[in-house]
Amino acid sequence: MSAYPHLLAPLEVDTIVVCAGQEPLADLHSALRQRGLGTHLIGGARVAAELDAVRAIAEGTRVAMELN
């Protein structure tokens, strides 16, 4: 049994943001685009030149503002 049962519950969401790793990895992005789903590739997933949280946060903020 999980120590965090609330994390195992299904969520009804419109948007999912995945922030993980330090290598560019666009496999999920490509697969979702092929299915016709709108996606945005930002931060280290787009360009993993260095650890640049400021750039990633700025890109994420811009995308979020465009969604509204």
PDB file of N, CA and C in Angstrom:
ATOM      1  N   MET A   1       0.839  -1.180   0.000  1.00  0.00           N
ATOM      2  CA  MET A   1       0.000   0.000   0.000  1.00  0.00           C
ATOM      3  C   MET A   1       0.886   1.246   0.000  1.00  0.00           C
ATOM      4  N   SER A   2       0.494   2.238  -0.743  1.00  0.00           N
ATOM      5  CA  SER A   2       1.268   3.463  -0.867  1.00  0.00           C
ATOM      6  C   SER A   2       1.114   4.348   0.369  1.00  0.00           C
ATOM      7  N   ALA A   3       2.187   5.033   0.716  1.00  0.00           N
ATOM      8  CA  ALA A   3       2.128   6.016   1.797  1.00  0.00           C
ATOM      9  C   ALA A   3       1.384   7.266   1.343  1.00  0.00           C
ATOM     10  N   TYR A   4       1.158   7.373   0.036  1.00  0.00           N
ATOM     11  CA  TYR A   4       0.494   8.542  -0.547  1.00  0.00           C
ATOM     12  C   TYR A   4      -0.674   8.094  -1.424  1.00  0.00           C
ATOM     13  N   PRO A   5      -1.729   7.540  -0.832  1.00  0.00           N
ATOM     14  CA  PRO A   5      -2.836   7.007  -1.643  1.00  0.00           C
ATOM     15  C   PRO A   5      -3.491   8.065  -2.521  1.00  0.00           C
ATOM     16  N   HIS A   6      -3.465   9.315  -2.111  1.00  0.00           N
ATOM     17  CA  HIS A   6      -4.077  10.377  -2.922  1.00  0.00           C
ATOM     18  C   HIS A   6      -3.347  10.563  -4.249  1.00  0.00           C
ATOM     19  N   LEU A   7      -2.095  10.121  -4.333  1.00  0.00           N
ATOM     20  CA  LEU A   7      -1.344  10.246  -5.582  1.00  0.00           C
ATOM     21  C   LEU A   7      -1.711   9.158  -6.587  1.00  0.00           C
ATOM     22  N   LEU A   8      -2.435   8.153  -6.143  1.00  0.00           N
ATOM     23  CA  LEU A   8      -2.815   7.046  -7.017  1.00  0.00           C
ATOM     24  C   LEU A   8      -4.196   7.232  -7.626  1.00  0.00           C
ATOM     25  N   ALA A   9      -4.898   8.272  -7.227  1.00  0.00           N
ATOM     26  CA  ALA A   9      -6.254   8.509  -7.728  1.00  0.00           C
ATOM     27  C   ALA A   9      -6.201   9.108  -9.126  1.00  0.00           C
ATOM     28  N   PRO A  10      -7.122   8.720 -10.010  1.00  0.00           N
ATOM     29  CA  PRO A  10      -7.188   9.326 -11.348  1.00  0.00           C
ATOM     30  C   PRO A  10      -7.492  10.825 -11.232  1.00  0.00           C
ATOM     31  N   LEU A  11      -6.936  11.588 -12.135  1.00  0.00           N
ATOM     32  CA  LEU A  11      -7.167  13.027 -12.156  1.00  0.00           C
ATOM     33  C   LEU A  11      -7.905  13.411 -13.430  1.00  0.00           C
ATOM     34  N   GLU A  12      -8.856  14.303 -13.313  1.00  0.00           N
ATOM     35  CA  GLU A  12      -9.531  14.854 -14.479  1.00  0.00           C
ATOM     36  C   GLU A  12      -8.829  16.165 -14.797  1.00  0.00           C
ATOM     37  N   VAL A  13      -7.999  16.160 -15.857  1.00  0.00           N
ATOM     38  CA  VAL A  13      -7.183  17.334 -16.177  1.00  0.00           C
ATOM     39  C   VAL A  13      -7.285  17.670 -17.660  1.00  0.00           C
ATOM     40  N   ASP A  14      -6.990  18.915 -17.967  1.00  0.00           N
ATOM     41  CA  ASP A  14      -6.906  19.362 -19.353  1.00  0.00           C
ATOM     42  C   ASP A  14      -5.470  19.409 -19.827  1.00  0.00           C
ATOM     43  N   THR A  15      -4.544  19.568 -18.902  1.00  0.00           N
ATOM     44  CA  THR A  15      -3.142  19.773 -19.251  1.00  0.00           C
ATOM     45  C   THR A  15      -2.245  18.943 -18.360  1.00  0.00           C
ATOM     46  N   ILE A  16      -1.200  18.381 -18.949  1.00  0.00           N
ATOM     47  CA  ILE A  16      -0.180  17.656 -18.206  1.00  0.00           C
ATOM     48  C   ILE A  16       1.161  18.285 -18.542  1.00  0.00           C
ATOM     49  N   VAL A  17       1.951  18.569 -17.523  1.00  0.00           N
ATOM     50  CA  VAL A  17       3.291  19.108 -17.714  1.00  0.00           C
ATOM     51  C   VAL A  17       4.264  18.090 -17.143  1.00  0.00           C
ATOM     52  N   VAL A  18       5.204  17.633 -17.974  1.00  0.00           N
ATOM     53  CA  VAL A  18       6.211  16.681 -17.528  1.00  0.00           C
ATOM     54  C   VAL A  18       7.542  17.415 -17.444  1.00  0.00           C
ATOM     55  N   CYS A  19       8.146  17.421 -16.263  1.00  0.00           N
ATOM     56  CA  CYS A  19       9.448  18.055 -16.047  1.00  0.00           C
ATOM     57  C   CYS A  19      10.370  17.000 -15.469  1.00  0.00           C
ATOM     58  N   ALA A  20      11.246  16.446 -16.317  1.00  0.00           N
ATOM     59  CA  ALA A  20      12.107  15.374 -15.835  1.00  0.00           C
ATOM     60  C   ALA A  20      13.363  15.267 -16.676  1.00  0.00           C
ATOM     61  N   GLY A  21      14.470  15.006 -16.024  1.00  0.00           N
ATOM     62  CA  GLY A  21      15.718  14.712 -16.727  1.00  0.00           C
ATOM     63  C   GLY A  21      16.436  15.927 -17.261  1.00  0.00           C
ATOM     64  N   GLN A  22      17.630  15.668 -17.821  1.00  0.00           N
ATOM     65  CA  GLN A  22      18.465  16.731 -18.353  1.00  0.00           C
ATOM     66  C   GLN A  22      18.884  16.489 -19.799  1.00  0.00           C
ATOM     67  N   GLU A  23      18.310  15.499 -20.419  1.00  0.00           N
ATOM     68  CA  GLU A  23      18.602  15.190 -21.812  1.00  0.00           C
ATOM     69  C   GLU A  23      17.393  15.527 -22.666  1.00  0.00           C
ATOM     70  N   PRO A  24      17.616  16.092 -23.865  1.00  0.00           N
ATOM     71  CA  PRO A  24      16.463  16.360 -24.727  1.00  0.00           C
ATOM     72  C   PRO A  24      15.788  15.045 -25.107  1.00  0.00           C
ATOM     73  N   LEU A  25      14.489  14.974 -24.907  1.00  0.00           N
ATOM     74  CA  LEU A  25      13.743  13.753 -25.207  1.00  0.00           C
ATOM     75  C   LEU A  25      12.377  14.166 -25.718  1.00  0.00           C
ATOM     76  N   ALA A  26      12.168  14.011 -27.006  1.00  0.00           N
ATOM     77  CA  ALA A  26      10.933  14.481 -27.621  1.00  0.00           C
ATOM     78  C   ALA A  26      10.045  13.339 -28.094  1.00  0.00           C
ATOM     79  N   ASP A  27      10.312  12.119 -27.632  1.00  0.00           N
ATOM     80  CA  ASP A  27       9.518  10.968 -28.078  1.00  0.00           C
ATOM     81  C   ASP A  27       8.041  11.131 -27.748  1.00  0.00           C
ATOM     82  N   LEU A  28       7.728  11.515 -26.517  1.00  0.00           N
ATOM     83  CA  LEU A  28       6.334  11.698 -26.124  1.00  0.00           C
ATOM     84  C   LEU A  28       5.709  12.829 -26.935  1.00  0.00           C
ATOM     85  N   HIS A  29       6.430  13.912 -27.097  1.00  0.00           N
ATOM     86  CA  HIS A  29       5.962  15.057 -27.888  1.00  0.00           C
ATOM     87  C   HIS A  29       5.605  14.606 -29.307  1.00  0.00           C
ATOM     88  N   SER A  30       6.496  13.870 -29.925  1.00  0.00           N
ATOM     89  CA  SER A  30       6.269  13.392 -31.303  1.00  0.00           C
ATOM     90  C   SER A  30       5.071  12.458 -31.379  1.00  0.00           C
ATOM     91  N   ALA A  31       4.978  11.542 -30.434  1.00  0.00           N
ATOM     92  CA  ALA A  31       3.860  10.582 -30.439  1.00  0.00           C
ATOM     93  C   ALA A  31       2.520  11.294 -30.263  1.00  0.00           C
ATOM     94  N   LEU A  32       2.464  12.271 -29.384  1.00  0.00           N
ATOM     95  CA  LEU A  32       1.216  13.004 -29.174  1.00  0.00           C
ATOM     96  C   LEU A  32       0.856  13.836 -30.395  1.00  0.00           C
ATOM     97  N   ARG A  33       1.853  14.460 -31.026  1.00  0.00           N
ATOM     98  CA  ARG A  33       1.597  15.253 -32.239  1.00  0.00           C
ATOM     99  C   ARG A  33       1.075  14.364 -33.365  1.00  0.00           C
ATOM    100  N   GLN A  34       1.628  13.155 -33.481  1.00  0.00           N
ATOM    101  CA  GLN A  34       1.164  12.226 -34.515  1.00  0.00           C
ATOM    102  C   GLN A  34      -0.287  11.837 -34.304  1.00  0.00           C
ATOM    103  N   ARG A  35      -0.750  11.895 -33.081  1.00  0.00           N
ATOM    104  CA  ARG A  35      -2.156  11.593 -32.773  1.00  0.00           C
ATOM    105  C   ARG A  35      -3.035  12.825 -32.869  1.00  0.00           C
ATOM    106  N   GLY A  36      -2.453  13.947 -33.295  1.00  0.00           N
ATOM    107  CA  GLY A  36      -3.226  15.161 -33.479  1.00  0.00           C
ATOM    108  C   GLY A  36      -3.449  15.969 -32.226  1.00  0.00           C
ATOM    109  N   LEU A  37      -2.703  15.670 -31.177  1.00  0.00           N
ATOM    110  CA  LEU A  37      -2.856  16.397 -29.923  1.00  0.00           C
ATOM    111  C   LEU A  37      -1.916  17.596 -29.902  1.00  0.00           C
ATOM    112  N   GLY A  38      -2.391  18.696 -29.372  1.00  0.00           N
ATOM    113  CA  GLY A  38      -1.570  19.890 -29.283  1.00  0.00           C
ATOM    114  C   GLY A  38      -0.547  19.759 -28.171  1.00  0.00           C
ATOM    115  N   THR A  39       0.694  19.990 -28.481  1.00  0.00           N
ATOM    116  CA  THR A  39       1.759  19.916 -27.483  1.00  0.00           C
ATOM    117  C   THR A  39       2.706  21.094 -27.647  1.00  0.00           C
ATOM    118  N   HIS A  40       3.467  21.353 -26.625  1.00  0.00           N
ATOM    119  CA  HIS A  40       4.494  22.393 -26.654  1.00  0.00           C
ATOM    120  C   HIS A  40       5.759  21.791 -26.070  1.00  0.00           C
ATOM    121  N   LEU A  41       6.850  21.912 -26.763  1.00  0.00           N
ATOM    122  CA  LEU A  41       8.135  21.390 -26.311  1.00  0.00           C
ATOM    123  C   LEU A  41       8.954  22.569 -25.806  1.00  0.00           C
ATOM    124  N   ILE A  42       9.308  22.544 -24.528  1.00  0.00           N
ATOM    125  CA  ILE A  42       9.998  23.683 -23.924  1.00  0.00           C
ATOM    126  C   ILE A  42      11.151  23.208 -23.053  1.00  0.00           C
ATOM    127  N   GLY A  43      11.946  24.161 -22.613  1.00  0.00           N
ATOM    128  CA  GLY A  43      13.016  23.888 -21.658  1.00  0.00           C
ATOM    129  C   GLY A  43      14.027  22.888 -22.178  1.00  0.00           C
ATOM    130  N   GLY A  44      14.497  22.034 -21.267  1.00  0.00           N
ATOM    131  CA  GLY A  44      15.508  21.054 -21.612  1.00  0.00           C
ATOM    132  C   GLY A  44      15.037  19.999 -22.592  1.00  0.00           C
ATOM    133  N   ALA A  45      13.729  19.779 -22.697  1.00  0.00           N
ATOM    134  CA  ALA A  45      13.220  18.827 -23.689  1.00  0.00           C
ATOM    135  C   ALA A  45      13.436  19.363 -25.098  1.00  0.00           C
ATOM    136  N   ARG A  46      13.426  20.683 -25.230  1.00  0.00           N
ATOM    137  CA  ARG A  46      13.647  21.314 -26.535  1.00  0.00           C
ATOM    138  C   ARG A  46      15.140  21.487 -26.796  1.00  0.00           C
ATOM    139  N   VAL A  47      15.857  22.086 -25.839  1.00  0.00           N
ATOM    140  CA  VAL A  47      17.298  22.304 -25.959  1.00  0.00           C
ATOM    141  C   VAL A  47      17.917  22.086 -24.584  1.00  0.00           C
ATOM    142  N   ALA A  48      18.693  21.026 -24.456  1.00  0.00           N
ATOM    143  CA  ALA A  48      19.338  20.739 -23.174  1.00  0.00           C
ATOM    144  C   ALA A  48      20.799  21.169 -23.234  1.00  0.00           C
ATOM    145  N   ALA A  49      21.012  22.467 -23.420  1.00  0.00           N
ATOM    146  CA  ALA A  49      22.370  22.991 -23.539  1.00  0.00           C
ATOM    147  C   ALA A  49      23.066  23.047 -22.183  1.00  0.00           C
ATOM    148  N   GLU A  50      22.335  23.379 -21.151  1.00  0.00           N
ATOM    149  CA  GLU A  50      22.857  23.450 -19.798  1.00  0.00           C
ATOM    150  C   GLU A  50      21.669  23.464 -18.842  1.00  0.00           C
ATOM    151  N   LEU A  51      21.947  23.407 -17.570  1.00  0.00           N
ATOM    152  CA  LEU A  51      20.867  23.525 -16.595  1.00  0.00           C
ATOM    153  C   LEU A  51      20.388  24.964 -16.602  1.00  0.00           C
ATOM    154  N   ASP A  52      19.245  25.198 -17.185  1.00  0.00           N
ATOM    155  CA  ASP A  52      18.757  26.565 -17.322  1.00  0.00           C
ATOM    156  C   ASP A  52      17.292  26.631 -16.927  1.00  0.00           C
ATOM    157  N   ALA A  53      17.049  26.581 -15.626  1.00  0.00           N
ATOM    158  CA  ALA A  53      15.680  26.615 -15.129  1.00  0.00           C
ATOM    159  C   ALA A  53      15.002  27.931 -15.460  1.00  0.00           C
ATOM    160  N   VAL A  54      15.755  29.021 -15.485  1.00  0.00           N
ATOM    161  CA  VAL A  54      15.160  30.330 -15.783  1.00  0.00           C
ATOM    162  C   VAL A  54      14.565  30.320 -17.184  1.00  0.00           C
ATOM    163  N   ARG A  55      15.299  29.795 -18.150  1.00  0.00           N
ATOM    164  CA  ARG A  55      14.801  29.715 -19.533  1.00  0.00           C
ATOM    165  C   ARG A  55      13.582  28.807 -19.608  1.00  0.00           C
ATOM    166  N   ALA A  56      13.655  27.657 -18.954  1.00  0.00           N
ATOM    167  CA  ALA A  56      12.542  26.707 -18.992  1.00  0.00           C
ATOM    168  C   ALA A  56      11.290  27.311 -18.361  1.00  0.00           C
ATOM    169  N   ILE A  57      11.448  28.000 -17.247  1.00  0.00           N
ATOM    170  CA  ILE A  57      10.298  28.625 -16.589  1.00  0.00           C
ATOM    171  C   ILE A  57       9.721  29.724 -17.466  1.00  0.00           C
ATOM    172  N   ALA A  58      10.583  30.518 -18.092  1.00  0.00           N
ATOM    173  CA  ALA A  58      10.106  31.586 -18.981  1.00  0.00           C
ATOM    174  C   ALA A  58       9.342  31.001 -20.163  1.00  0.00           C
ATOM    175  N   GLU A  59       9.874  29.934 -20.765  1.00  0.00           N
ATOM    176  CA  GLU A  59       9.186  29.303 -21.890  1.00  0.00           C
ATOM    177  C   GLU A  59       7.844  28.730 -21.445  1.00  0.00           C
ATOM    178  N   GLY A  60       7.817  28.081 -20.288  1.00  0.00           N
ATOM    179  CA  GLY A  60       6.570  27.522 -19.765  1.00  0.00           C
ATOM    180  C   GLY A  60       5.543  28.599 -19.468  1.00  0.00           C
ATOM    181  N   THR A  61       6.016  29.721 -18.943  1.00  0.00           N
ATOM    182  CA  THR A  61       5.115  30.839 -18.650  1.00  0.00           C
ATOM    183  C   THR A  61       4.513  31.393 -19.930  1.00  0.00           C
ATOM    184  N   ARG A  62       5.351  31.552 -20.968  1.00  0.00           N
ATOM    185  CA  ARG A  62       4.847  32.056 -22.253  1.00  0.00           C
ATOM    186  C   ARG A  62       3.789  31.128 -22.828  1.00  0.00           C
ATOM    187  N   VAL A  63       4.047  29.836 -22.808  1.00  0.00           N
ATOM    188  CA  VAL A  63       3.081  28.861 -23.332  1.00  0.00           C
ATOM    189  C   VAL A  63       1.791  28.924 -22.523  1.00  0.00           C
ATOM    190  N   ALA A  64       1.896  28.981 -21.205  1.00  0.00           N
ATOM    191  CA  ALA A  64       0.697  29.024 -20.362  1.00  0.00           C
ATOM    192  C   ALA A  64      -0.140  30.263 -20.671  1.00  0.00           C
ATOM    193  N   MET A  65       0.506  31.379 -20.877  1.00  0.00           N
ATOM    194  CA  MET A  65      -0.236  32.619 -21.179  1.00  0.00           C
ATOM    195  C   MET A  65      -0.920  32.522 -22.548  1.00  0.00           C
ATOM    196  N   GLU A  66      -0.293  31.829 -23.497  1.00  0.00           N
ATOM    197  CA  GLU A  66      -0.896  31.660 -24.815  1.00  0.00           C
ATOM    198  C   GLU A  66      -2.110  30.734 -24.771  1.00  0.00           C
ATOM    199  N   LEU A  67      -2.138  29.814 -23.797  1.00  0.00           N
ATOM    200  CA  LEU A  67      -3.249  28.872 -23.698  1.00  0.00           C
ATOM    201  C   LEU A  67      -4.530  29.534 -23.228  1.00  0.00           C
ATOM    202  N   ASN A  68      -4.416  30.617 -22.495  1.00  0.00           N
ATOM    203  CA  ASN A  68      -5.608  31.287 -21.954  1.00  0.00           C
ATOM    204  C   ASN A  68      -6.214  32.182 -22.947  1.00  0.00           C
TER     205      ASN A  68
END
